[in-house]
Protein backbone atom coordinates (compact mmCIF):
# COMPACT_ATOMS: atom_id res chain seq x y z
CA MET A 1 12.21 -18.41 -5.36
CA SER A 2 9.79 -18.82 -3.40
CA GLN A 3 5.57 -19.40 -4.30
CA ILE A 4 2.41 -18.45 -1.65
CA LEU A 5 0.12 -21.64 -2.62
CA ALA A 6 -2.58 -20.72 -0.51
CA ILE A 7 -3.92 -18.64 2.44
CA VAL A 8 -5.93 -19.14 5.50
CA THR A 9 -7.73 -16.28 7.22
CA LEU A 10 -10.11 -14.86 9.76
CA THR A 11 -10.52 -11.99 7.84
CA LYS A 12 -11.56 -12.34 3.60
CA ASP A 13 -12.03 -8.87 3.22
CA ARG A 14 -8.26 -7.85 4.23
CA VAL A 15 -6.70 -10.53 1.69
CA GLY A 16 -6.03 -10.99 -1.95
CA GLY A 17 -3.98 -11.97 -4.55
CA GLY A 18 -3.54 -14.81 -7.01
CA ALA A 19 -3.62 -17.61 -4.34
CA PRO A 20 -6.54 -19.67 -3.32
CA ILE A 21 -7.98 -18.29 0.32
CA PHE A 22 -9.66 -20.17 2.80
CA ALA A 23 -11.70 -17.62 5.28
CA VAL A 24 -12.64 -19.28 8.93
CA ASP A 25 -14.47 -18.38 11.82
CA GLN A 26 -12.15 -19.34 14.62
CA GLU A 27 -8.45 -19.50 15.70
CA ASP A 28 -8.60 -23.08 16.04
CA ASP A 29 -10.52 -23.60 12.34
CA LEU A 30 -7.25 -21.30 11.26
CA GLN A 31 -4.57 -23.24 12.31
CA ARG A 32 -5.99 -26.69 12.02
CA MET A 33 -6.68 -26.06 8.48
CA ALA A 34 -3.36 -24.47 7.71
CA PHE A 35 -1.30 -27.10 9.09
CA SER A 36 -3.62 -29.96 7.40
CA LEU A 37 -2.82 -28.24 4.12
CA GLU A 38 0.94 -27.93 5.00
CA LYS A 39 0.92 -31.60 5.17
CA ILE A 40 -0.96 -32.05 1.99
CA LEU A 41 0.48 -29.28 -0.14
CA ASP A 42 4.16 -30.37 0.92
CA ALA A 43 4.47 -26.68 1.81
CA ASN A 44 5.84 -24.17 4.63
CA ALA A 45 3.05 -22.58 6.77
CA HIS A 46 4.10 -19.28 8.56
CA ASP A 47 1.37 -17.40 10.73
CA LEU A 48 1.19 -13.38 10.00
CA LYS A 49 0.09 -13.13 13.17
CA ASN A 50 -2.53 -10.79 12.27
CA GLY A 51 -5.04 -13.95 11.73
CA THR A 52 -3.58 -14.71 8.25
CA ILE A 53 -1.12 -17.85 7.88
CA ILE A 54 0.46 -18.16 4.33
CA LEU A 55 1.41 -21.37 2.64
CA VAL A 56 4.71 -21.43 1.09
CA LYS A 57 6.24 -23.72 -1.02
CA HIS A 58 10.19 -22.68 -0.68
CA SER A 59 12.57 -24.24 -3.96
């Protein structure tokens, strides 16, 4: 089973749920934040190609 640990997005008004949401203003910040969190959380970053990246822990 997999678990979404965090969401990094350019469009906060289009995402929701129980995972922490990190809203950023620019594409560069999106990538930087997601890949930093990927390392910190020991998770995998998945780019949804719509300005949103989810960080998932696969078991």
